[in-house]
Amino acid sequence: MTVRYLHPVTEDRLPVDRVLKGAEGKLETVLVLGYTKDGDFYLASSTGETDDIYDLATLAQKAVMED
């Protein structure tokens, strides 16, 4: 498995739809984390496998912590 870390190019907030559209058609598996407009935590995944979800979340945490 190749890991590609994507680092933000800006400290400003980007529109959510722009970020999601930028990934459209490029991913085989996805984990979406965020907050709804009401402030509730949101989690969705294209896989139902708990191990895959955990792996994606762990890789994301590692990428953020190494930045």
C-alpha atoms as a PDB file:
ATOM      1  CA  MET A   1       0.000   0.000   0.000  1.00  0.00           C
ATOM      2  CA  THR A   2       1.331   3.426  -0.948  1.00  0.00           C
ATOM      3  CA  VAL A   3       0.629   6.232   1.482  1.00  0.00           C
ATOM      4  CA  ARG A   4       0.332   9.709   0.019  1.00  0.00           C
ATOM      5  CA  TYR A   5       0.135  12.517   2.527  1.00  0.00           C
ATOM      6  CA  LEU A   6      -1.632  15.641   1.388  1.00  0.00           C
ATOM      7  CA  HIS A   7      -0.627  18.709   3.335  1.00  0.00           C
ATOM      8  CA  PRO A   8      -2.787  21.820   3.341  1.00  0.00           C
ATOM      9  CA  VAL A   9      -1.567  24.652   1.170  1.00  0.00           C
ATOM     10  CA  THR A  10      -3.430  27.249   3.159  1.00  0.00           C
ATOM     11  CA  GLU A  11      -4.346  27.937   6.745  1.00  0.00           C
ATOM     12  CA  ASP A  12      -7.686  29.367   5.636  1.00  0.00           C
ATOM     13  CA  ARG A  13     -10.845  27.310   5.555  1.00  0.00           C
ATOM     14  CA  LEU A  14     -11.823  25.952   2.175  1.00  0.00           C
ATOM     15  CA  PRO A  15     -15.449  25.406   1.168  1.00  0.00           C
ATOM     16  CA  VAL A  16     -16.489  21.853   2.081  1.00  0.00           C
ATOM     17  CA  ASP A  17     -18.027  21.195  -1.336  1.00  0.00           C
ATOM     18  CA  ARG A  18     -14.801  22.259  -3.045  1.00  0.00           C
ATOM     19  CA  VAL A  19     -12.767  19.790  -0.993  1.00  0.00           C
ATOM     20  CA  LEU A  20     -15.217  16.960  -1.662  1.00  0.00           C
ATOM     21  CA  LYS A  21     -15.410  17.706  -5.392  1.00  0.00           C
ATOM     22  CA  GLY A  22     -11.618  17.713  -5.557  1.00  0.00           C
ATOM     23  CA  ALA A  23     -11.595  14.083  -4.416  1.00  0.00           C
ATOM     24  CA  GLU A  24     -14.454  12.950  -6.643  1.00  0.00           C
ATOM     25  CA  GLY A  25     -13.486  10.153  -9.009  1.00  0.00           C
ATOM     26  CA  LYS A  26     -10.001   9.762  -7.496  1.00  0.00           C
ATOM     27  CA  LEU A  27     -10.592   7.541  -4.463  1.00  0.00           C
ATOM     28  CA  GLU A  28     -11.172   3.840  -4.066  1.00  0.00           C
ATOM     29  CA  THR A  29     -12.034   4.024  -0.370  1.00  0.00           C
ATOM     30  CA  VAL A  30     -13.027   7.099   1.589  1.00  0.00           C
ATOM     31  CA  LEU A  31     -13.568   8.163   5.176  1.00  0.00           C
ATOM     32  CA  VAL A  32     -15.348  11.470   5.693  1.00  0.00           C
ATOM     33  CA  LEU A  33     -15.072  13.202   9.054  1.00  0.00           C
ATOM     34  CA  GLY A  34     -16.514  16.558   9.897  1.00  0.00           C
ATOM     35  CA  TYR A  35     -19.135  18.613  11.620  1.00  0.00           C
ATOM     36  CA  THR A  36     -22.638  19.284  10.367  1.00  0.00           C
ATOM     37  CA  LYS A  37     -23.939  22.829  10.124  1.00  0.00           C
ATOM     38  CA  ASP A  38     -25.637  22.155  13.482  1.00  0.00           C
ATOM     39  CA  GLY A  39     -22.278  21.286  15.065  1.00  0.00           C
ATOM     40  CA  ASP A  40     -22.832  17.530  15.295  1.00  0.00           C
ATOM     41  CA  PHE A  41     -19.982  15.132  14.534  1.00  0.00           C
ATOM     42  CA  TYR A  42     -20.340  13.408  11.147  1.00  0.00           C
ATOM     43  CA  LEU A  43     -18.689  10.156  10.065  1.00  0.00           C
ATOM     44  CA  ALA A  44     -19.270   8.277   6.827  1.00  0.00           C
ATOM     45  CA  SER A  45     -17.261   5.625   5.039  1.00  0.00           C
ATOM     46  CA  SER A  46     -17.410   3.818   1.742  1.00  0.00           C
ATOM     47  CA  THR A  47     -16.495   0.616   3.553  1.00  0.00           C
ATOM     48  CA  GLY A  48     -18.297  -1.197   6.313  1.00  0.00           C
ATOM     49  CA  GLU A  49     -15.143  -2.956   7.450  1.00  0.00           C
ATOM     50  CA  THR A  50     -14.186  -1.678  10.891  1.00  0.00           C
ATOM     51  CA  ASP A  51     -10.495  -2.486  10.302  1.00  0.00           C
ATOM     52  CA  ASP A  52     -10.433  -0.388   7.108  1.00  0.00           C
ATOM     53  CA  ILE A  53     -12.118   2.544   8.842  1.00  0.00           C
ATOM     54  CA  TYR A  54      -9.633   2.309  11.725  1.00  0.00           C
ATOM     55  CA  ASP A  55      -6.679   2.150   9.308  1.00  0.00           C
ATOM     56  CA  LEU A  56      -7.852   5.237   7.417  1.00  0.00           C
ATOM     57  CA  ALA A  57      -8.389   7.182  10.644  1.00  0.00           C
ATOM     58  CA  THR A  58      -4.968   6.129  11.946  1.00  0.00           C
ATOM     59  CA  LEU A  59      -3.223   7.170   8.717  1.00  0.00           C
ATOM     60  CA  ALA A  60      -5.011  10.522   8.826  1.00  0.00           C
ATOM     61  CA  GLN A  61      -3.966  11.101  12.430  1.00  0.00           C
ATOM     62  CA  LYS A  62      -0.355  10.249  11.591  1.00  0.00           C
ATOM     63  CA  ALA A  63      -0.358  12.654   8.635  1.00  0.00           C
ATOM     64  CA  VAL A  64      -1.727  15.482  10.772  1.00  0.00           C
ATOM     65  CA  MET A  65       0.702  14.866  13.624  1.00  0.00           C
ATOM     66  CA  GLU A  66       3.750  14.762  11.324  1.00  0.00           C
ATOM     67  CA  ASP A  67       2.958  18.102   9.718  1.00  0.00           C
END
